Amino acid sequence: MSNRSWKRIILGIIFLLLSIFYSVMFFQKAAFSDTMIFNIAHLKSLENIFSSPINFDYWNHSGSQINLFSPWLTILSGFIFLNTNISYGFATYLTLITFLTFVSAYYYMKRFSKDTFESLLVSVIYTFSLNRFFQVFLEQRIENYLVMIFLPMVYYGLFCFLKNKDWHLLTWGMLLVIWTSPYMAIAVLLTIILAIPLMIFSKTTHHWKYWGQLILNGLLLLGMTFLTTIGFIGPLFLKQWQTKFRQAGIKNPNFVTMYQNLNLSLMKQYLLLGILILLVLLLLLIFLKSNFSYKIILIEMIPLILSLFYRLKIPGIEVSRLYPALLGILDLFLTIIVSRIIIMIFQETSSVWKLLLVIAFVSGLSLLVFEQAQQLNFKKTLSTSENVNYEKFVLDYHDHASQIQPKFLANGKKTKVTFYTKKSDYWIQYYNPKSVQLDLPIQRYDGYRVHLNNESVKVTTSKRQTLQLRTHPGKNIIEIHSRYNLISILLLLINLVGFIGLGYLSLKKFVWKTKKSSYNG
């Protein structure tokens, strides 16, 4: 085995040990909040996602359409870990996510900078950053830190795309981001839109052939991204168009208010101003001394920082949910610039000193995570998760699941029925000597097939946006079977064709590059 292989194995073991340490801290110290319960319920409700977006076993049997709105492809893997023990399963899943974040940041930074020392710094600082700690331990929205695996891939893909080297990697990165966090996809798109006109200032772009090739690659990128995400974004937009669901806003830190609450003395304000001036001068030095790619990162950071102080307003989008995404991108860019500053300071030192510096960073950041976790010290942690009834848990998310009480109404009055659910199927047994209008506590969805006493029956929508139907006198056996509707099936088939097409084009590109490399060798 070569020295390079041994180094990769050792590095992988180190990343794995750090990931286990991170998950142990989470398991012991993080709060077991409603958001954490939602994460687990969501993962468990994805059991039948390939046959139906509705799982009647969860969300208080309300037929919640959360899985229509939440990207299920990348978080589906988490369901595997929750089949046995929920707490240990989720801790294992978090370990895997953290490990992949380490590997992704290291791998794509190594391809970007060709510097092992810089790549290690970026990987450790990015994965152990305070922003990621906040997302994992406090905010706990799984998509906000899961998507951090794919950000290095996206921006290295953007680097290759803007150099007209390749469009496939950016496409893979974008589709993974879209299938994980739509708000992050919007934030990434904003940074891509800003980066393209900045290429005017690069000498390599001063030719019409560059822009012609970029436009062609851009059309391929847009087309393949559309085809490989239409199975998710298509039903989402159709449902949004019909029902106008609106996510509730989230509370974001107000940095202006935080600064004002510090009540700093005049001397401390002058000291802070001096530090900011020195920081700006240092960043200006980095801007002048670094290549064009780092210049774009520094320029991109300006609107990202300003967005944290100035509240954007985008029609139709809950902007408060965009801030964690913008902060995640800023976190990556800031990590790259900080690592660049360290590289410039220690560029003349030996490899031994650089290794010692990496060890110091790993030790220091691990200690920082440990101390931050110790300060949390919540009594109700992940270890209590087995006692929660995840099937009845509901949350005010996209749909009306939290507003629907499990009440069956006969002609507007509460009545008793016997019902049973299994994944995407719902059975109801009801007896009444008279025919009544029976209102079921199940949200309306176009993909339902409803049978009354083994015959198809027409259903309508009640005032509370649930299913209702006219029963027969006597005994009634109602069956509700949920499947993807025809439009969703067609869009998923198109999406599958898109995946196959992108996979073929990417493999063809890889084989061609391998043959070319072998020929040149």
Protein backbone atom coordinates (compact mmCIF):
# COMPACT_ATOMS: atom_id res chain seq x y z
CA MET A 1 0.00 0.00 0.00
CA SER A 2 1.38 3.42 -0.99
CA ASN A 3 2.15 6.24 1.45
CA ARG A 4 -0.71 8.27 -0.04
CA SER A 5 -3.20 5.49 0.73
CA TRP A 6 -1.94 5.22 4.31
CA LYS A 7 -2.30 8.99 4.76
CA ARG A 8 -5.90 8.86 3.51
CA ILE A 9 -6.75 6.00 5.88
CA ILE A 10 -5.22 7.82 8.86
CA LEU A 11 -7.00 11.04 7.91
CA GLY A 12 -10.29 9.16 7.56
CA ILE A 13 -9.85 7.62 11.03
CA ILE A 14 -9.15 11.06 12.53
CA PHE A 15 -12.25 12.51 10.86
CA LEU A 16 -14.32 9.57 12.14
CA LEU A 17 -13.07 9.96 15.73
CA LEU A 18 -13.83 13.69 15.66
CA SER A 19 -17.31 12.94 14.28
CA ILE A 20 -17.97 10.44 17.09
CA PHE A 21 -16.82 13.01 19.66
CA TYR A 22 -19.21 15.58 18.14
CA SER A 23 -22.18 13.18 18.27
CA VAL A 24 -21.42 12.12 21.85
CA MET A 25 -21.55 15.77 22.89
CA PHE A 26 -24.87 16.16 21.09
CA PHE A 27 -26.29 12.96 22.61
CA GLN A 28 -25.38 14.01 26.15
CA LYS A 29 -25.93 17.77 26.14
CA ALA A 30 -28.27 18.95 23.35
CA ALA A 31 -31.91 19.70 24.12
CA PHE A 32 -34.52 17.22 22.97
CA SER A 33 -36.83 19.89 21.56
CA ASP A 34 -39.96 19.82 19.41
CA THR A 35 -37.72 20.39 16.39
CA MET A 36 -35.75 17.25 17.26
CA ILE A 37 -38.99 15.29 17.64
CA PHE A 38 -40.11 16.65 14.27
CA ASN A 39 -36.82 15.50 12.68
CA ILE A 40 -37.29 11.96 13.96
CA ALA A 41 -41.01 11.82 13.09
CA HIS A 42 -40.20 13.13 9.63
CA LEU A 43 -37.51 10.52 9.05
CA LYS A 44 -39.79 7.73 10.26
CA SER A 45 -42.70 8.95 8.13
CA LEU A 46 -40.58 8.58 4.97
CA GLU A 47 -40.92 4.80 5.15
CA ASN A 48 -43.39 4.71 2.23
CA ILE A 49 -42.19 7.79 0.32
CA PHE A 50 -41.60 5.87 -2.92
CA SER A 51 -45.25 4.84 -3.10
CA SER A 52 -46.96 7.87 -1.53
CA PRO A 53 -46.10 11.23 0.05
CA ILE A 54 -48.77 10.57 2.72
CA ASN A 55 -48.12 8.40 5.77
CA PHE A 56 -51.29 8.00 7.85
CA ASP A 57 -49.37 6.44 10.76
CA TYR A 58 -47.82 9.81 11.61
CA TRP A 59 -48.87 13.42 12.20
CA ASN A 60 -51.84 12.28 14.29
CA HIS A 61 -53.24 10.32 11.30
CA SER A 62 -54.19 13.63 9.65
CA GLY A 63 -52.84 12.85 6.17
CA SER A 64 -50.25 15.60 6.55
CA GLN A 65 -48.59 16.60 3.29
CA ILE A 66 -45.29 17.56 4.90
CA ASN A 67 -43.41 15.07 2.72
CA LEU A 68 -44.69 16.85 -0.40
CA PHE A 69 -43.02 20.05 0.78
CA SER A 70 -39.93 18.62 2.45
CA PRO A 71 -37.16 17.22 0.23
CA TRP A 72 -37.02 13.51 1.04
CA LEU A 73 -34.23 12.15 -1.15
CA THR A 74 -31.17 13.02 0.93
CA ILE A 75 -32.75 12.63 4.37
CA LEU A 76 -34.31 9.28 3.43
CA SER A 77 -31.05 7.60 4.45
CA GLY A 78 -31.68 8.70 8.04
CA PHE A 79 -34.69 6.37 8.25
CA ILE A 80 -32.34 3.37 8.10
CA PHE A 81 -30.73 4.34 11.42
CA LEU A 82 -34.05 4.75 13.25
CA ASN A 83 -35.40 1.23 12.72
CA THR A 84 -34.04 -0.13 16.01
CA ASN A 85 -33.02 2.32 18.73
CA ILE A 86 -34.05 5.91 17.96
CA SER A 87 -31.55 7.76 20.15
CA TYR A 88 -28.49 5.71 19.18
CA GLY A 89 -29.71 5.56 15.61
CA PHE A 90 -29.96 9.32 15.30
CA ALA A 91 -26.58 9.76 17.02
CA THR A 92 -25.08 7.39 14.43
CA TYR A 93 -26.75 9.35 11.64
CA LEU A 94 -25.32 12.61 13.02
CA THR A 95 -21.88 10.96 13.16
CA LEU A 96 -22.18 10.06 9.47
CA ILE A 97 -23.31 13.59 8.55
CA THR A 98 -20.40 15.14 10.47
CA PHE A 99 -17.90 12.70 8.94
CA LEU A 100 -19.13 13.47 5.41
CA THR A 101 -18.90 17.21 6.16
CA PHE A 102 -15.24 16.75 7.12
CA VAL A 103 -14.52 14.69 4.01
CA SER A 104 -16.41 16.95 1.60
CA ALA A 105 -14.74 20.14 2.83
CA TYR A 106 -11.28 18.53 2.71
CA TYR A 107 -11.72 16.84 -0.68
CA TYR A 108 -13.10 19.80 -2.62
CA MET A 109 -10.77 22.32 -0.98
CA LYS A 110 -7.83 20.06 -1.90
CA ARG A 111 -9.00 20.06 -5.53
CA PHE A 112 -9.46 23.84 -5.38
CA SER A 113 -6.21 24.92 -3.68
CA LYS A 114 -3.93 21.88 -4.25
CA ASP A 115 -2.68 22.48 -0.68
CA THR A 116 -3.11 19.73 1.94
CA PHE A 117 -2.45 22.09 4.85
CA GLU A 118 -5.08 24.58 3.70
CA SER A 119 -7.58 21.79 2.99
CA LEU A 120 -7.18 20.36 6.51
CA LEU A 121 -7.70 23.80 8.05
CA VAL A 122 -10.85 24.42 6.00
CA SER A 123 -12.24 20.98 6.83
CA VAL A 124 -11.74 21.29 10.60
CA ILE A 125 -12.77 24.95 10.95
CA TYR A 126 -15.84 24.51 8.72
CA THR A 127 -17.14 21.38 10.47
CA PHE A 128 -16.43 22.64 14.00
CA SER A 129 -17.56 26.21 13.35
CA LEU A 130 -19.84 28.03 15.78
CA ASN A 131 -22.47 28.40 13.05
CA ARG A 132 -22.64 24.64 12.53
CA PHE A 133 -22.68 24.11 16.31
CA PHE A 134 -25.67 26.44 16.51
CA GLN A 135 -27.47 24.64 13.67
CA VAL A 136 -26.86 21.17 15.13
CA PHE A 137 -27.18 21.72 18.89
CA LEU A 138 -29.66 24.61 19.12
CA GLU A 139 -31.60 25.25 15.91
CA GLN A 140 -31.67 21.50 15.10
CA ARG A 141 -33.24 21.85 11.65
CA ILE A 142 -31.65 18.81 10.06
CA GLU A 143 -31.64 20.18 6.49
CA ASN A 144 -29.69 23.28 7.59
CA TYR A 145 -26.65 21.27 8.62
CA LEU A 146 -27.14 18.29 6.29
CA VAL A 147 -26.86 20.62 3.30
CA MET A 148 -23.45 21.79 4.55
CA ILE A 149 -22.05 18.53 3.15
CA PHE A 150 -22.87 19.68 -0.38
CA LEU A 151 -21.82 23.36 -0.22
CA PRO A 152 -18.08 22.68 -0.89
CA MET A 153 -19.13 20.51 -3.84
CA VAL A 154 -21.38 23.27 -5.21
CA TYR A 155 -18.76 26.01 -5.02
CA TYR A 156 -15.95 23.88 -6.40
CA GLY A 157 -18.40 22.96 -9.16
CA LEU A 158 -19.05 26.68 -9.70
CA PHE A 159 -15.27 27.24 -9.89
CA CYS A 160 -15.02 24.59 -12.65
CA PHE A 161 -18.12 25.95 -14.40
CA LEU A 162 -16.82 29.53 -14.53
CA LYS A 163 -13.54 28.25 -15.98
CA ASN A 164 -15.53 26.34 -18.64
CA LYS A 165 -13.93 23.11 -17.44
CA ASP A 166 -17.05 21.24 -16.40
CA TRP A 167 -20.77 21.75 -15.73
CA HIS A 168 -21.62 18.27 -14.43
CA LEU A 169 -20.27 18.73 -10.88
CA LEU A 170 -22.21 21.96 -10.31
CA THR A 171 -25.35 20.20 -11.59
CA TRP A 172 -24.89 17.33 -9.12
CA GLY A 173 -24.23 19.82 -6.34
CA MET A 174 -27.31 21.91 -7.15
CA LEU A 175 -29.66 18.94 -7.38
CA LEU A 176 -28.40 17.63 -4.01
CA VAL A 177 -28.91 21.05 -2.44
CA ILE A 178 -32.42 21.40 -3.93
CA TRP A 179 -33.40 17.91 -2.75
CA THR A 180 -32.10 18.81 0.73
CA SER A 181 -32.97 22.47 1.40
CA PRO A 182 -34.89 24.67 -1.09
CA TYR A 183 -34.00 27.81 0.88
CA MET A 184 -30.30 26.98 0.59
CA ALA A 185 -30.83 26.46 -3.15
CA ILE A 186 -32.25 30.00 -3.41
CA ALA A 187 -29.29 31.41 -1.44
CA VAL A 188 -26.78 29.52 -3.59
CA LEU A 189 -28.51 30.74 -6.75
CA LEU A 190 -28.15 34.35 -5.57
CA THR A 191 -24.38 33.90 -5.13
CA ILE A 192 -24.06 32.26 -8.56
CA ILE A 193 -25.92 35.14 -10.20
CA LEU A 194 -23.47 37.58 -8.55
CA ALA A 195 -20.37 35.55 -9.50
CA ILE A 196 -21.04 35.36 -13.25
CA PRO A 197 -20.78 39.12 -14.05
CA LEU A 198 -17.65 39.34 -11.84
CA MET A 199 -15.89 37.11 -14.39
CA ILE A 200 -15.69 40.18 -16.67
CA PHE A 201 -12.69 41.28 -14.59
CA SER A 202 -10.76 38.08 -15.34
CA LYS A 203 -8.32 38.25 -18.26
CA THR A 204 -9.25 34.72 -19.40
CA THR A 205 -12.82 35.80 -20.18
CA HIS A 206 -11.97 38.59 -22.63
CA HIS A 207 -13.01 36.59 -25.68
CA TRP A 208 -16.37 35.80 -27.21
CA LYS A 209 -15.54 32.06 -27.27
CA TYR A 210 -15.45 31.98 -23.47
CA TRP A 211 -18.92 33.52 -23.13
CA GLY A 212 -20.32 31.35 -25.91
CA GLN A 213 -19.10 28.21 -24.16
CA LEU A 214 -20.30 29.51 -20.79
CA ILE A 215 -23.79 30.16 -22.18
CA LEU A 216 -23.90 26.66 -23.69
CA ASN A 217 -22.74 25.08 -20.42
CA GLY A 218 -25.24 27.26 -18.55
CA LEU A 219 -28.12 25.98 -20.67
CA LEU A 220 -26.99 22.39 -20.06
CA LEU A 221 -26.71 23.15 -16.34
CA LEU A 222 -30.19 24.68 -16.13
CA GLY A 223 -31.76 21.95 -18.25
CA MET A 224 -30.28 19.04 -16.33
CA THR A 225 -30.90 20.65 -12.94
CA PHE A 226 -34.54 21.14 -13.92
CA LEU A 227 -34.92 17.55 -15.14
CA THR A 228 -33.28 16.08 -12.02
CA THR A 229 -35.36 18.08 -9.53
CA ILE A 230 -38.76 18.33 -11.23
CA GLY A 231 -40.02 15.33 -9.25
CA PHE A 232 -39.78 17.42 -6.08
CA ILE A 233 -40.23 21.04 -7.16
CA GLY A 234 -43.08 20.22 -9.59
CA PRO A 235 -45.59 18.85 -7.03
CA LEU A 236 -44.42 21.47 -4.52
CA PHE A 237 -45.23 24.39 -6.84
CA LEU A 238 -48.50 22.82 -8.01
CA LYS A 239 -49.67 22.35 -4.44
CA GLN A 240 -48.51 25.83 -3.50
CA TRP A 241 -50.37 27.27 -6.50
CA GLN A 242 -53.59 25.52 -5.47
CA THR A 243 -53.56 26.05 -1.71
CA LYS A 244 -51.20 28.99 -1.03
CA PHE A 245 -49.57 27.39 1.99
CA ARG A 246 -47.21 29.69 3.86
CA GLN A 247 -44.50 28.61 6.26
CA ALA A 248 -44.37 30.41 9.57
CA GLY A 249 -41.41 32.73 10.02
CA ILE A 250 -38.53 31.94 12.32
CA LYS A 251 -36.71 34.20 14.73
CA ASN A 252 -33.23 35.21 13.58
CA PRO A 253 -30.58 37.02 15.63
CA ASN A 254 -30.62 40.80 15.18
CA PHE A 255 -26.95 41.77 15.16
CA VAL A 256 -27.66 45.50 15.41
CA THR A 257 -29.73 44.97 18.55
CA MET A 258 -27.11 42.61 19.96
CA TYR A 259 -24.43 45.27 19.47
CA GLN A 260 -26.58 47.96 21.05
CA ASN A 261 -27.29 45.75 24.06
CA LEU A 262 -23.57 45.41 24.74
CA ASN A 263 -23.56 49.03 26.02
CA LEU A 264 -19.88 49.44 25.21
CA SER A 265 -18.02 52.44 26.56
CA LEU A 266 -16.65 55.02 24.15
CA MET A 267 -13.13 53.65 24.58
CA LYS A 268 -14.28 50.11 23.78
CA GLN A 269 -16.17 51.37 20.73
CA TYR A 270 -12.99 53.05 19.45
CA LEU A 271 -11.07 49.82 20.15
CA LEU A 272 -13.67 47.79 18.23
CA LEU A 273 -13.54 50.29 15.36
CA GLY A 274 -9.74 49.96 15.29
CA ILE A 275 -9.98 46.16 15.15
CA LEU A 276 -12.49 46.40 12.29
CA ILE A 277 -10.18 48.75 10.37
CA LEU A 278 -7.25 46.36 10.84
CA LEU A 279 -9.46 43.47 9.71
CA VAL A 280 -10.51 45.36 6.58
CA LEU A 281 -6.85 46.16 5.82
CA LEU A 282 -5.94 42.49 6.30
CA LEU A 283 -8.73 41.40 3.97
CA LEU A 284 -7.59 44.00 1.44
CA LEU A 285 -4.09 42.49 1.63
CA ILE A 286 -5.55 39.03 1.04
CA PHE A 287 -7.51 40.46 -1.90
CA LEU A 288 -4.37 41.90 -3.49
CA LYS A 289 -2.09 38.91 -2.81
CA SER A 290 -4.49 36.08 -3.75
CA ASN A 291 -5.62 34.78 -7.11
CA PHE A 292 -8.89 35.74 -8.79
CA SER A 293 -10.95 32.96 -7.20
CA TYR A 294 -10.25 34.26 -3.69
CA LYS A 295 -11.11 37.79 -4.86
CA ILE A 296 -14.57 36.59 -5.93
CA ILE A 297 -15.08 34.92 -2.53
CA LEU A 298 -14.19 38.18 -0.75
CA ILE A 299 -16.55 40.20 -2.95
CA GLU A 300 -19.34 37.63 -2.42
CA MET A 301 -18.90 38.01 1.35
CA ILE A 302 -19.86 41.71 1.25
CA PRO A 303 -23.58 41.29 0.36
CA LEU A 304 -23.77 38.19 2.60
CA ILE A 305 -22.57 40.23 5.60
CA LEU A 306 -24.87 43.13 4.73
CA SER A 307 -27.85 40.75 4.48
CA LEU A 308 -27.38 39.88 8.16
CA PHE A 309 -28.02 43.51 9.10
CA TYR A 310 -30.51 44.55 6.42
CA ARG A 311 -33.70 42.47 6.24
CA LEU A 312 -34.53 41.47 2.69
CA LYS A 313 -38.07 41.30 1.33
CA ILE A 314 -38.79 38.79 -1.45
CA PRO A 315 -42.45 38.37 -2.54
CA GLY A 316 -43.78 34.86 -1.93
CA ILE A 317 -40.75 33.72 0.09
CA GLU A 318 -40.50 33.57 3.87
CA VAL A 319 -37.21 35.47 4.01
CA SER A 320 -36.56 34.69 7.68
CA ARG A 321 -35.93 31.06 6.64
CA LEU A 322 -33.38 32.25 4.10
CA TYR A 323 -31.01 33.67 6.73
CA PRO A 324 -29.66 30.32 8.03
CA ALA A 325 -28.82 29.48 4.41
CA LEU A 326 -27.03 32.81 3.82
CA LEU A 327 -25.19 32.36 7.11
CA GLY A 328 -24.13 28.84 6.10
CA ILE A 329 -22.63 30.12 2.83
CA LEU A 330 -20.91 32.98 4.65
CA ASP A 331 -19.55 30.43 7.12
CA LEU A 332 -17.91 28.47 4.28
CA PHE A 333 -16.48 31.59 2.61
CA LEU A 334 -15.18 32.97 5.91
CA THR A 335 -13.55 29.61 6.68
CA ILE A 336 -11.73 29.67 3.34
CA ILE A 337 -10.49 33.24 3.88
CA VAL A 338 -9.37 32.58 7.48
CA SER A 339 -7.48 29.49 6.27
CA ARG A 340 -5.95 31.59 3.51
CA ILE A 341 -4.72 34.15 6.04
CA ILE A 342 -3.11 31.37 8.10
CA ILE A 343 -1.50 29.93 4.97
CA MET A 344 0.03 33.30 4.06
CA ILE A 345 1.39 33.76 7.59
CA PHE A 346 2.94 30.28 7.80
CA GLN A 347 3.82 29.73 4.15
CA GLU A 348 7.58 29.72 4.86
CA THR A 349 7.42 27.28 7.79
CA SER A 350 8.31 23.58 7.56
CA SER A 351 5.79 20.74 7.22
CA VAL A 352 6.36 19.75 10.85
CA TRP A 353 5.29 23.17 12.12
CA LYS A 354 2.27 23.12 9.83
CA LEU A 355 1.29 19.70 11.20
CA LEU A 356 1.63 21.01 14.76
CA LEU A 357 -0.55 23.97 13.82
CA VAL A 358 -3.27 21.66 12.46
CA ILE A 359 -3.11 19.62 15.68
CA ALA A 360 -3.44 22.84 17.66
CA PHE A 361 -6.50 23.86 15.63
CA VAL A 362 -8.13 20.45 16.02
CA SER A 363 -7.47 20.45 19.78
CA GLY A 364 -8.62 24.05 20.23
CA LEU A 365 -11.82 23.67 18.22
CA SER A 366 -12.63 20.35 19.91
CA LEU A 367 -12.21 22.05 23.28
CA LEU A 368 -14.44 24.91 22.08
CA VAL A 369 -17.19 22.44 21.06
CA PHE A 370 -16.82 20.67 24.41
CA GLU A 371 -17.11 23.90 26.41
CA GLN A 372 -20.06 25.14 24.35
CA ALA A 373 -21.83 21.81 24.84
CA GLN A 374 -21.16 21.85 28.60
CA GLN A 375 -22.86 25.24 28.86
CA LEU A 376 -26.09 23.82 27.39
CA ASN A 377 -26.67 21.11 30.00
CA PHE A 378 -30.36 20.47 29.22
CA LYS A 379 -32.14 17.91 31.38
CA LYS A 380 -34.23 16.51 28.52
CA THR A 381 -31.74 15.14 25.97
CA LEU A 382 -31.79 12.64 23.12
CA SER A 383 -31.59 9.71 25.56
CA THR A 384 -35.27 10.31 26.47
CA SER A 385 -36.43 9.99 22.88
CA GLU A 386 -37.78 6.44 23.21
CA ASN A 387 -40.63 7.67 25.43
CA VAL A 388 -42.12 10.00 22.81
CA ASN A 389 -45.15 9.06 20.71
CA TYR A 390 -43.85 10.20 17.33
CA GLU A 391 -47.00 9.09 15.49
CA LYS A 392 -49.22 11.67 17.23
CA PHE A 393 -46.73 14.54 17.04
CA VAL A 394 -47.88 17.39 14.79
CA LEU A 395 -46.33 20.73 14.00
CA ASP A 396 -47.57 23.90 12.31
CA TYR A 397 -45.47 23.41 9.20
CA HIS A 398 -46.72 23.86 5.62
CA ASP A 399 -50.18 22.34 5.90
CA HIS A 400 -53.13 22.21 8.31
CA ALA A 401 -52.07 19.09 10.23
CA SER A 402 -51.72 20.90 13.57
CA GLN A 403 -55.16 22.53 13.17
CA ILE A 404 -57.05 19.29 12.56
CA GLN A 405 -58.14 17.50 15.72
CA PRO A 406 -58.79 13.75 15.35
CA LYS A 407 -62.55 14.32 15.36
CA PHE A 408 -65.01 12.53 13.08
CA LEU A 409 -68.12 14.62 12.47
CA ALA A 410 -71.52 13.24 11.42
CA ASN A 411 -73.69 16.08 10.09
CA GLY A 412 -71.40 18.49 11.96
CA LYS A 413 -71.53 16.67 15.31
CA LYS A 414 -68.77 14.63 16.88
CA THR A 415 -69.24 10.87 16.47
CA LYS A 416 -67.31 7.70 17.31
CA VAL A 417 -65.77 5.46 14.68
CA THR A 418 -63.28 2.61 14.60
CA PHE A 419 -60.25 3.23 12.39
CA TYR A 420 -56.92 1.63 11.54
CA THR A 421 -53.95 2.98 9.59
CA LYS A 422 -50.96 1.37 7.95
CA LYS A 423 -48.54 3.66 6.09
CA SER A 424 -50.48 5.03 3.08
CA ASP A 425 -53.70 3.16 3.81
CA TYR A 426 -56.59 4.13 6.12
CA TRP A 427 -59.60 1.94 7.11
CA ILE A 428 -62.69 3.28 8.90
CA GLN A 429 -65.67 1.35 10.26
CA TYR A 430 -68.81 3.37 11.05
CA TYR A 431 -72.37 2.36 11.90
CA ASN A 432 -75.47 4.56 11.73
CA PRO A 433 -79.01 3.52 10.76
CA LYS A 434 -79.29 6.79 8.83
CA SER A 435 -77.27 8.21 5.96
CA VAL A 436 -75.10 11.12 7.15
CA GLN A 437 -72.48 13.51 5.85
CA LEU A 438 -69.33 12.09 7.49
CA ASP A 439 -66.44 14.54 7.89
CA LEU A 440 -63.10 12.71 8.21
CA PRO A 441 -60.08 14.35 9.97
CA ILE A 442 -57.92 13.79 6.88
CA GLN A 443 -56.54 16.61 4.74
CA ARG A 444 -57.65 16.69 1.12
CA TYR A 445 -55.16 15.36 -1.43
CA ASP A 446 -55.65 14.57 -5.12
CA GLY A 447 -53.91 11.19 -4.85
CA TYR A 448 -56.56 9.48 -2.67
CA ARG A 449 -58.63 6.53 -3.84
CA VAL A 450 -61.70 6.28 -1.60
CA HIS A 451 -64.02 3.24 -1.42
CA LEU A 452 -67.23 2.86 0.57
CA ASN A 453 -68.30 -0.77 1.07
CA ASN A 454 -65.93 -1.84 -1.76
CA GLU A 455 -67.31 0.74 -4.22
CA SER A 456 -65.71 3.99 -5.37
CA VAL A 457 -67.35 6.99 -3.79
CA LYS A 458 -67.29 10.70 -4.45
CA VAL A 459 -65.68 12.84 -1.75
CA THR A 460 -65.89 16.58 -1.21
CA THR A 461 -63.93 19.10 0.85
CA SER A 462 -65.35 20.24 4.18
CA LYS A 463 -65.09 23.71 5.71
CA ARG A 464 -62.06 22.60 7.69
CA GLN A 465 -60.34 21.47 4.45
CA THR A 466 -60.81 17.75 5.15
CA LEU A 467 -62.46 14.86 3.32
CA GLN A 468 -66.19 14.31 3.67
CA LEU A 469 -68.58 11.84 2.09
CA ARG A 470 -72.19 10.62 2.26
CA THR A 471 -72.52 7.29 4.11
CA HIS A 472 -75.02 4.49 3.56
CA PRO A 473 -77.62 3.57 6.17
CA GLY A 474 -76.25 0.83 8.43
CA LYS A 475 -72.68 -0.44 8.43
CA ASN A 476 -70.05 1.49 6.47
CA ILE A 477 -66.50 0.34 5.75
CA ILE A 478 -64.45 3.18 4.27
CA GLU A 479 -61.06 2.57 2.66
CA ILE A 480 -58.67 5.38 1.75
CA HIS A 481 -55.56 4.53 -0.23
CA SER A 482 -53.01 7.26 -0.91
CA ARG A 483 -50.75 7.22 -3.94
CA TYR A 484 -48.95 9.83 -5.99
CA ASN A 485 -51.38 11.52 -8.36
CA LEU A 486 -50.92 11.24 -12.12
CA ILE A 487 -49.02 14.54 -12.48
CA SER A 488 -46.61 13.62 -9.67
CA ILE A 489 -45.98 10.19 -11.22
CA LEU A 490 -45.21 11.76 -14.61
CA LEU A 491 -42.87 14.29 -12.99
CA LEU A 492 -41.08 11.55 -11.04
CA LEU A 493 -40.63 9.55 -14.25
CA ILE A 494 -39.18 12.62 -15.98
CA ASN A 495 -36.94 13.08 -12.93
CA LEU A 496 -35.75 9.46 -13.22
CA VAL A 497 -34.92 10.00 -16.90
CA GLY A 498 -33.02 13.15 -15.87
CA PHE A 499 -30.99 11.20 -13.29
CA ILE A 500 -30.14 8.51 -15.84
CA GLY A 501 -29.19 11.15 -18.44
CA LEU A 502 -26.98 13.12 -16.04
CA GLY A 503 -25.38 9.89 -14.79
CA TYR A 504 -24.61 8.83 -18.37
CA LEU A 505 -23.15 12.22 -19.34
CA SER A 506 -21.05 12.38 -16.16
CA LEU A 507 -19.75 8.83 -16.65
CA LYS A 508 -18.97 9.57 -20.30
CA LYS A 509 -17.05 12.69 -19.23
CA PHE A 510 -15.13 10.70 -16.59
CA VAL A 511 -14.19 7.90 -19.03
CA TRP A 512 -13.07 10.46 -21.62
CA LYS A 513 -10.88 12.25 -19.06
CA THR A 514 -9.41 8.92 -17.91
CA LYS A 515 -8.56 7.88 -21.46
CA LYS A 516 -7.04 11.29 -22.20
CA SER A 517 -4.94 11.14 -19.02
CA SER A 518 -3.78 7.61 -19.87
CA TYR A 519 -2.92 8.67 -23.43
CA ASN A 520 -0.92 11.68 -22.24
CA GLY A 521 0.87 9.48 -19.72
